[in-house]
Amino acid sequence: MMNKISAVIITKNEETNIQRCIESVLFADEIIVYDSGSVDQTVSIARKLGAKVSVGDWMGFGPTKRHATSLALNDWILSIDADEEVSADLKSELLKRRENLNPQVGYRLPRLSNYLGQWVRHGGWYPDYQLRLFNRQHCNWNEDVIHEKVNASSTDTFLSHLNHYVFKNIDHQVQTNNRYSTLQAMDMRRRGKKFSWFHFLTKPYVKFIECYFLKRGFLDGWAGYLIARNAAYSVLLKWAKLKELS
């Protein structure tokens, strides 16, 4: 019997990405879109492309993805973000392997990100494995509101890429860093993490060195430098906001 797959996507104001994303998973047996308050054309575009759209509250990354997964008809889930697309090679590999998928195994997909019009292969951005294909009877998203992940007792890895169109522009990256650093600071405080002047003063520099030199971000040129700088700035914001919350 064929393993039927449901593609599951969470969205909010993704009208520039959603068509590309959905068209890349049209091979799936159904496409579920869970939207948490879009005010653009995301929902109408998704419906026109045949996706089953559900609208509801944002509950944090883990809980929202877990809820969206529960809306699927099939147990095999391909979870994909709106700014991602299944490459042609990944589609072919998935279709070849779908009959031999092990329901107790979570499958990791290498993710290749496009930033400022170029594919980034250094600085810690590649291969950026993401566990996105799983059987929900044995694996599922955890309840973490940020840094969510699929819990699986064992994993296997695909060879072909999941493409990721990570930021529209530098302004979008700055906005994202601001939003995520707030969530990270709140999560740190919830877990009882205390502000540290030592970490505040040193960790941003360590992050830049890690991304730009140790992980060879310099090989990606201008994009690699900005990635390292923004990664360091995000760390600075996270610790500054933790002190503010304290």
Protein backbone atom coordinates (compact mmCIF):
# COMPACT_ATOMS: atom_id res chain seq x y z
CA MET A 1 0.00 0.00 0.00
CA MET A 2 1.32 3.42 -0.96
CA ASN A 3 2.44 5.70 1.87
CA LYS A 4 0.18 8.73 1.51
CA ILE A 5 1.84 12.01 2.43
CA SER A 6 0.30 15.23 3.73
CA ALA A 7 2.31 18.42 3.16
CA VAL A 8 1.76 20.77 6.10
CA ILE A 9 2.58 24.49 5.97
CA ILE A 10 2.11 27.22 8.59
CA THR A 11 1.70 30.78 7.33
CA LYS A 12 1.27 34.42 8.22
CA ASN A 13 1.53 37.11 5.53
CA GLU A 14 3.42 34.91 3.06
CA GLU A 15 1.87 36.04 -0.21
CA THR A 16 5.31 36.44 -1.83
CA ASN A 17 6.31 32.87 -0.98
CA ILE A 18 3.24 30.66 -0.68
CA GLN A 19 2.68 29.93 -4.38
CA ARG A 20 6.24 28.72 -4.91
CA CYS A 21 6.02 26.62 -1.77
CA ILE A 22 2.69 24.95 -2.60
CA GLU A 23 3.62 24.29 -6.23
CA SER A 24 6.71 22.43 -5.04
CA VAL A 25 4.59 19.95 -3.02
CA LEU A 26 1.74 19.32 -5.47
CA PHE A 27 2.89 15.70 -5.60
CA ALA A 28 1.64 15.25 -2.00
CA ASP A 29 -1.70 13.52 -1.43
CA GLU A 30 -3.01 16.60 0.36
CA ILE A 31 -1.73 20.05 1.28
CA ILE A 32 -2.66 21.59 4.61
CA VAL A 33 -2.13 25.31 5.29
CA TYR A 34 -2.63 26.59 8.82
CA ASP A 35 -2.74 30.40 8.79
CA SER A 36 -2.46 32.52 11.92
CA GLY A 37 -3.87 35.87 10.92
CA SER A 38 -2.62 36.87 7.48
CA VAL A 39 -3.84 40.25 6.27
CA ASP A 40 -2.46 39.83 2.76
CA GLN A 41 -3.42 37.39 -0.03
CA THR A 42 -1.82 34.29 1.52
CA VAL A 43 -5.07 32.48 2.27
CA SER A 44 -6.73 33.18 -1.09
CA ILE A 45 -3.61 32.11 -3.02
CA ALA A 46 -3.38 28.89 -1.02
CA ARG A 47 -7.04 28.06 -1.64
CA LYS A 48 -6.76 28.76 -5.37
CA LEU A 49 -3.90 26.28 -5.52
CA GLY A 50 -6.02 23.57 -3.91
CA ALA A 51 -4.68 23.62 -0.36
CA LYS A 52 -6.97 22.89 2.57
CA VAL A 53 -6.76 26.09 4.62
CA SER A 54 -7.48 26.37 8.32
CA VAL A 55 -7.30 29.71 10.15
CA GLY A 56 -6.53 29.95 13.86
CA ASP A 57 -4.42 31.44 16.61
CA TRP A 58 -0.63 31.54 16.81
CA MET A 59 0.48 29.36 19.73
CA GLY A 60 4.25 29.44 19.35
CA PHE A 61 6.24 27.47 16.80
CA GLY A 62 6.10 24.00 18.33
CA PRO A 63 2.44 24.02 19.41
CA THR A 64 1.31 25.63 16.15
CA LYS A 65 3.14 23.09 13.97
CA ARG A 66 1.88 20.26 16.15
CA HIS A 67 -1.71 21.49 15.78
CA ALA A 68 -1.32 21.92 12.01
CA THR A 69 -0.01 18.35 11.83
CA SER A 70 -3.14 17.11 13.61
CA LEU A 71 -5.32 18.52 10.80
CA ALA A 72 -3.85 16.16 8.19
CA LEU A 73 -5.68 13.07 6.97
CA ASN A 74 -2.49 11.05 6.56
CA ASP A 75 0.06 9.96 9.15
CA TRP A 76 3.05 10.66 6.92
CA ILE A 77 3.81 14.36 7.25
CA LEU A 78 6.06 16.54 5.12
CA SER A 79 6.39 19.76 7.13
CA ILE A 80 7.59 22.72 5.10
CA ASP A 81 7.75 26.43 5.85
CA ALA A 82 6.22 28.94 3.46
CA ASP A 83 9.63 30.36 2.53
CA GLU A 84 10.89 26.91 1.52
CA GLU A 85 10.42 24.75 -1.54
CA VAL A 86 11.01 21.10 -2.32
CA SER A 87 13.63 21.03 -5.05
CA ALA A 88 13.09 18.89 -8.15
CA ASP A 89 15.83 16.52 -6.98
CA LEU A 90 14.30 16.20 -3.52
CA LYS A 91 10.90 15.48 -5.03
CA SER A 92 12.38 12.68 -7.16
CA GLU A 93 14.27 11.21 -4.21
CA LEU A 94 11.20 11.34 -1.99
CA LEU A 95 8.97 9.65 -4.57
CA LYS A 96 11.55 6.90 -5.06
CA ARG A 97 11.85 6.26 -1.33
CA ARG A 98 8.26 6.73 -0.20
CA GLU A 99 7.34 3.02 -0.34
CA ASN A 100 10.27 2.09 1.89
CA LEU A 101 9.86 4.78 4.54
CA ASN A 102 10.13 3.48 8.09
CA PRO A 103 7.33 4.90 10.30
CA GLN A 104 9.58 4.86 13.38
CA VAL A 105 12.26 6.96 11.67
CA GLY A 106 12.30 10.74 11.26
CA TYR A 107 13.88 11.87 7.97
CA ARG A 108 16.26 14.82 7.84
CA LEU A 109 16.47 17.02 4.76
CA PRO A 110 19.55 19.13 3.96
CA ARG A 111 18.47 22.76 3.59
CA LEU A 112 20.17 25.17 1.21
CA SER A 113 19.45 28.86 1.83
CA ASN A 114 19.28 31.70 -0.68
CA TYR A 115 20.36 35.05 0.77
CA LEU A 116 20.73 38.31 -1.19
CA GLY A 117 20.30 36.36 -4.42
CA GLN A 118 22.96 33.71 -3.81
CA TRP A 119 23.05 30.19 -2.41
CA VAL A 120 24.98 30.14 0.86
CA ARG A 121 27.13 27.07 1.60
CA HIS A 122 29.26 28.24 4.53
CA GLY A 123 29.05 30.13 7.81
CA GLY A 124 27.05 27.37 9.49
CA TRP A 125 24.15 27.72 7.08
CA TYR A 126 24.72 24.50 5.16
CA PRO A 127 23.76 21.68 5.13
CA ASP A 128 21.45 22.82 7.97
CA TYR A 129 19.65 19.47 8.30
CA GLN A 130 15.95 19.75 9.12
CA LEU A 131 13.82 16.82 10.30
CA ARG A 132 10.70 17.43 8.22
CA LEU A 133 9.42 14.05 7.01
CA PHE A 134 7.91 11.80 9.66
CA ASN A 135 5.04 9.53 10.65
CA ARG A 136 3.03 11.30 13.32
CA GLN A 137 2.12 8.01 15.03
CA HIS A 138 5.75 7.70 16.11
CA CYS A 139 7.25 11.21 15.76
CA ASN A 140 5.89 14.71 16.23
CA TRP A 141 6.73 18.32 17.01
CA ASN A 142 7.58 19.18 20.61
CA GLU A 143 5.85 21.99 22.51
CA ASP A 144 8.73 24.50 22.45
CA VAL A 145 7.55 27.96 21.39
CA ILE A 146 10.93 28.61 19.72
CA HIS A 147 13.69 26.27 18.50
CA GLU A 148 10.97 23.69 17.92
CA LYS A 149 11.96 20.25 16.69
CA VAL A 150 10.45 16.89 15.80
CA ASN A 151 11.05 14.24 18.44
CA ALA A 152 12.12 10.96 16.84
CA SER A 153 13.80 7.90 18.34
CA SER A 154 15.98 7.46 15.22
CA THR A 155 16.72 9.41 12.06
CA ASP A 156 17.78 8.93 8.46
CA THR A 157 18.96 11.51 5.94
CA PHE A 158 18.01 12.48 2.41
CA LEU A 159 20.64 13.67 -0.05
CA SER A 160 18.70 16.28 -2.03
CA HIS A 161 18.01 19.86 -0.94
CA LEU A 162 15.11 21.64 0.60
CA ASN A 163 15.50 25.17 -0.79
CA HIS A 164 15.11 28.06 1.65
CA TYR A 165 14.49 31.67 0.58
CA VAL A 166 15.45 32.95 3.99
CA PHE A 167 15.09 36.77 3.92
CA LYS A 168 13.51 39.14 1.40
CA ASN A 169 16.21 41.74 2.09
CA ILE A 170 18.48 43.07 4.84
CA ASP A 171 15.61 44.94 6.50
CA HIS A 172 13.65 41.68 6.74
CA GLN A 173 16.68 40.02 8.36
CA VAL A 174 16.96 42.80 10.93
CA GLN A 175 13.24 42.54 11.75
CA THR A 176 13.54 38.77 12.12
CA ASN A 177 16.57 39.06 14.38
CA ASN A 178 14.67 41.52 16.56
CA ARG A 179 11.63 39.23 16.82
CA TYR A 180 13.59 36.04 17.46
CA SER A 181 15.91 37.62 20.01
CA THR A 182 12.85 38.68 22.01
CA LEU A 183 11.49 35.13 21.96
CA GLN A 184 14.90 33.75 22.90
CA ALA A 185 15.29 36.15 25.82
CA MET A 186 11.81 35.27 27.09
CA ASP A 187 12.62 31.57 26.80
CA MET A 188 15.93 32.03 28.67
CA ARG A 189 14.15 33.86 31.48
CA ARG A 190 11.46 31.17 31.63
CA ARG A 191 14.19 28.54 32.04
CA GLY A 192 15.80 30.51 34.87
CA LYS A 193 18.81 31.75 32.90
CA LYS A 194 20.49 34.73 34.57
CA PHE A 195 21.98 37.73 32.79
CA SER A 196 25.77 37.61 32.58
CA TRP A 197 27.97 40.59 31.75
CA PHE A 198 30.68 38.17 30.64
CA HIS A 199 28.37 36.48 28.12
CA PHE A 200 26.89 39.81 27.01
CA LEU A 201 30.36 41.20 26.25
CA THR A 202 31.98 38.11 24.75
CA LYS A 203 29.38 35.92 23.05
CA PRO A 204 28.63 38.30 20.14
CA TYR A 205 32.33 38.37 19.22
CA VAL A 206 32.61 34.60 19.58
CA LYS A 207 29.58 34.15 17.30
CA PHE A 208 31.12 36.35 14.60
CA ILE A 209 34.43 34.47 14.74
CA GLU A 210 32.57 31.15 14.62
CA CYS A 211 30.45 32.07 11.58
CA TYR A 212 32.96 34.08 9.57
CA PHE A 213 36.24 32.31 10.24
CA LEU A 214 35.74 28.87 11.80
CA LYS A 215 32.77 28.01 9.57
CA ARG A 216 34.32 29.82 6.59
CA GLY A 217 31.59 32.36 6.01
CA PHE A 218 34.19 34.53 4.26
CA LEU A 219 33.91 32.16 1.29
CA ASP A 220 30.40 33.50 0.67
CA GLY A 221 31.70 37.04 0.20
CA TRP A 222 29.46 39.99 1.07
CA ALA A 223 26.59 37.69 2.05
CA GLY A 224 28.84 35.69 4.37
CA TYR A 225 30.05 38.81 6.14
CA LEU A 226 26.51 40.12 6.69
CA ILE A 227 25.37 36.71 7.95
CA ALA A 228 28.16 36.64 10.53
CA ARG A 229 27.57 40.26 11.60
CA ASN A 230 23.82 39.75 11.97
CA ALA A 231 24.33 36.49 13.88
CA ALA A 232 26.56 38.37 16.34
CA TYR A 233 24.04 41.21 16.60
CA SER A 234 21.24 38.75 17.31
CA VAL A 235 23.25 37.29 20.20
CA LEU A 236 23.87 40.81 21.54
CA LEU A 237 20.14 41.57 21.39
CA LYS A 238 19.24 38.32 23.11
CA TRP A 239 21.43 39.04 26.13
CA ALA A 240 20.47 42.72 26.26
CA LYS A 241 16.78 41.81 26.26
CA LEU A 242 17.35 39.21 28.99
CA LYS A 243 18.81 42.00 31.17
CA GLU A 244 15.83 44.21 30.29
CA LEU A 245 13.41 41.47 31.33
CA SER A 246 15.34 41.01 34.58
